C-alpha atoms as a PDB file:
ATOM      1  CA  MET A   1       0.000   0.000   0.000  1.00  0.00           C
ATOM      2  CA  SER A   2       1.275   3.465  -0.783  1.00  0.00           C
ATOM      3  CA  SER A   3       1.962   6.028   1.881  1.00  0.00           C
ATOM      4  CA  PRO A   4       0.744   9.638   1.694  1.00  0.00           C
ATOM      5  CA  SER A   5       4.289  10.819   0.976  1.00  0.00           C
ATOM      6  CA  HIS A   6       4.608   8.345  -1.930  1.00  0.00           C
ATOM      7  CA  PRO A   7       1.219   8.107  -3.650  1.00  0.00           C
ATOM      8  CA  THR A   8       0.738   5.538  -6.358  1.00  0.00           C
ATOM      9  CA  PRO A   9       1.209   7.236  -9.719  1.00  0.00           C
ATOM     10  CA  ALA A  10      -2.045   6.981 -11.627  1.00  0.00           C
ATOM     11  CA  LEU A  11      -2.133   5.505 -15.109  1.00  0.00           C
ATOM     12  CA  ASP A  12      -4.664   6.514 -17.700  1.00  0.00           C
ATOM     13  CA  CYS A  13      -6.011   3.950 -20.171  1.00  0.00           C
ATOM     14  CA  VAL A  14      -3.515   4.845 -22.906  1.00  0.00           C
ATOM     15  CA  GLN A  15      -0.555   4.428 -20.543  1.00  0.00           C
ATOM     16  CA  PHE A  16      -1.991   1.182 -19.184  1.00  0.00           C
ATOM     17  CA  ARG A  17      -2.452  -0.320 -22.644  1.00  0.00           C
ATOM     18  CA  ARG A  18       1.092   0.568 -23.639  1.00  0.00           C
ATOM     19  CA  LEU A  19       2.338  -1.428 -20.640  1.00  0.00           C
ATOM     20  CA  ILE A  20       0.296  -4.569 -21.376  1.00  0.00           C
ATOM     21  CA  PRO A  21       3.018  -6.289 -23.478  1.00  0.00           C
ATOM     22  CA  LEU A  22       5.582  -5.681 -20.724  1.00  0.00           C
ATOM     23  CA  HIS A  23       3.192  -7.009 -18.071  1.00  0.00           C
ATOM     24  CA  VAL A  24       2.244 -10.132 -20.037  1.00  0.00           C
ATOM     25  CA  GLY A  25       5.875 -10.800 -20.910  1.00  0.00           C
ATOM     26  CA  GLY A  26       6.955 -10.439 -17.282  1.00  0.00           C
ATOM     27  CA  ASP A  27       9.116  -7.427 -18.082  1.00  0.00           C
ATOM     28  CA  LEU A  28       7.214  -4.717 -16.225  1.00  0.00           C
ATOM     29  CA  SER A  29       9.324  -3.211 -13.455  1.00  0.00           C
ATOM     30  CA  ASP A  30       8.263  -3.504  -9.826  1.00  0.00           C
ATOM     31  CA  ALA A  31       7.710   0.257  -9.804  1.00  0.00           C
ATOM     32  CA  GLY A  32       5.377  -0.043 -12.789  1.00  0.00           C
ATOM     33  CA  GLN A  33       3.519  -3.120 -11.596  1.00  0.00           C
ATOM     34  CA  HIS A  34       1.668  -1.465  -8.707  1.00  0.00           C
ATOM     35  CA  PRO A  35       0.139   1.348 -10.805  1.00  0.00           C
ATOM     36  CA  PHE A  36      -0.687  -1.223 -13.492  1.00  0.00           C
ATOM     37  CA  ASP A  37      -2.500  -3.467 -11.008  1.00  0.00           C
ATOM     38  CA  HIS A  38      -4.241  -0.477  -9.432  1.00  0.00           C
ATOM     39  CA  HIS A  39      -5.590   0.692 -12.797  1.00  0.00           C
ATOM     40  CA  ALA A  40      -6.633  -2.833 -13.793  1.00  0.00           C
ATOM     41  CA  SER A  41      -8.612  -3.232 -10.578  1.00  0.00           C
ATOM     42  CA  GLY A  42     -10.739  -0.189 -11.362  1.00  0.00           C
ATOM     43  CA  CYS A  43     -11.109  -0.149 -15.142  1.00  0.00           C
ATOM     44  CA  GLY A  44     -13.275  -2.792 -16.771  1.00  0.00           C
ATOM     45  CA  ASP A  45     -12.415  -1.670 -20.307  1.00  0.00           C
ATOM     46  CA  CYS A  46      -8.689  -2.076 -19.720  1.00  0.00           C
ATOM     47  CA  THR A  47      -9.204  -5.387 -17.938  1.00  0.00           C
ATOM     48  CA  GLU A  48     -11.052  -6.630 -21.031  1.00  0.00           C
ATOM     49  CA  HIS A  49      -8.273  -5.295 -23.251  1.00  0.00           C
ATOM     50  CA  LEU A  50      -5.694  -7.153 -21.132  1.00  0.00           C
ATOM     51  CA  ALA A  51      -7.727 -10.378 -21.386  1.00  0.00           C
ATOM     52  CA  GLY A  52      -7.910  -9.973 -25.164  1.00  0.00           C
ATOM     53  CA  TYR A  53      -4.158  -9.477 -25.389  1.00  0.00           C
ATOM     54  CA  ARG A  54      -3.561 -12.617 -23.331  1.00  0.00           C
ATOM     55  CA  ALA A  55      -5.953 -14.557 -25.577  1.00  0.00           C
ATOM     56  CA  GLN A  56      -4.095 -13.382 -28.680  1.00  0.00           C
ATOM     57  CA  CYS A  57      -0.800 -14.468 -27.150  1.00  0.00           C
ATOM     58  CA  GLY A  58      -2.318 -17.871 -26.458  1.00  0.00           C
ATOM     59  CA  LEU A  59      -3.431 -18.212 -30.079  1.00  0.00           C
ATOM     60  CA  LEU A  60      -0.008 -17.245 -31.350  1.00  0.00           C
ATOM     61  CA  SER A  61       1.540 -19.782 -29.014  1.00  0.00           C
ATOM     62  CA  THR A  62      -0.808 -22.461 -30.368  1.00  0.00           C
ATOM     63  CA  TYR A  63       0.054 -21.631 -33.960  1.00  0.00           C
ATOM     64  CA  GLY A  64       3.726 -21.729 -33.122  1.00  0.00           C
ATOM     65  CA  ARG A  65       3.532 -25.481 -32.468  1.00  0.00           C
ATOM     66  CA  ASP A  66       3.972 -28.322 -34.907  1.00  0.00           C
ATOM     67  CA  LEU A  67       0.719 -30.155 -35.738  1.00  0.00           C
ATOM     68  CA  GLU A  68       1.963 -33.669 -35.102  1.00  0.00           C
ATOM     69  CA  SER A  69       4.480 -33.324 -32.311  1.00  0.00           C
ATOM     70  CA  GLY A  70       3.146 -30.303 -30.436  1.00  0.00           C
ATOM     71  CA  ARG A  71       6.714 -28.954 -30.218  1.00  0.00           C
ATOM     72  CA  ARG A  72       7.453 -25.302 -30.806  1.00  0.00           C
ATOM     73  CA  THR A  73       8.547 -24.476 -34.325  1.00  0.00           C
ATOM     74  CA  PRO A  74      11.249 -21.908 -35.012  1.00  0.00           C
ATOM     75  CA  ASP A  75       9.261 -20.356 -37.858  1.00  0.00           C
ATOM     76  CA  LEU A  76       5.799 -19.215 -36.800  1.00  0.00           C
ATOM     77  CA  TRP A  77       4.594 -18.464 -40.340  1.00  0.00           C
ATOM     78  CA  SER A  78       5.516 -21.931 -41.622  1.00  0.00           C
ATOM     79  CA  SER A  79       3.476 -23.476 -38.856  1.00  0.00           C
ATOM     80  CA  ILE A  80       0.496 -21.228 -39.577  1.00  0.00           C
ATOM     81  CA  GLU A  81       0.735 -21.909 -43.297  1.00  0.00           C
ATOM     82  CA  ARG A  82       0.725 -25.699 -42.766  1.00  0.00           C
ATOM     83  CA  LYS A  83      -2.335 -25.455 -40.548  1.00  0.00           C
ATOM     84  CA  LEU A  84      -4.155 -23.264 -43.039  1.00  0.00           C
ATOM     85  CA  ASP A  85      -3.344 -25.689 -45.848  1.00  0.00           C
ATOM     86  CA  HIS A  86      -4.518 -28.567 -43.668  1.00  0.00           C
ATOM     87  CA  ARG A  87      -7.819 -26.878 -42.778  1.00  0.00           C
ATOM     88  CA  TRP A  88      -8.753 -25.477 -46.166  1.00  0.00           C
ATOM     89  CA  ARG A  89      -7.953 -28.330 -48.535  1.00  0.00           C
ATOM     90  CA  PRO A  90     -11.063 -30.060 -49.937  1.00  0.00           C
END
């Protein structure tokens, strides 16, 4: 909890959304994490935006895996292309 002499710096929605990739990637500093969490706890729109970003990351992670083995592939596009070919062939 912040003390009166060191109030938590407030983030607006634009600042919050710029920090989402750092937060999701685990690269947000300790000093930035508290204002991020504070904003997320009070802003439903940004919380939804954060959830959407996490979902997109999950999809990218899924498409970065080989169909048969489930192992990560070094080339994301190749993996996506194979899956598209597999799904759309008659």
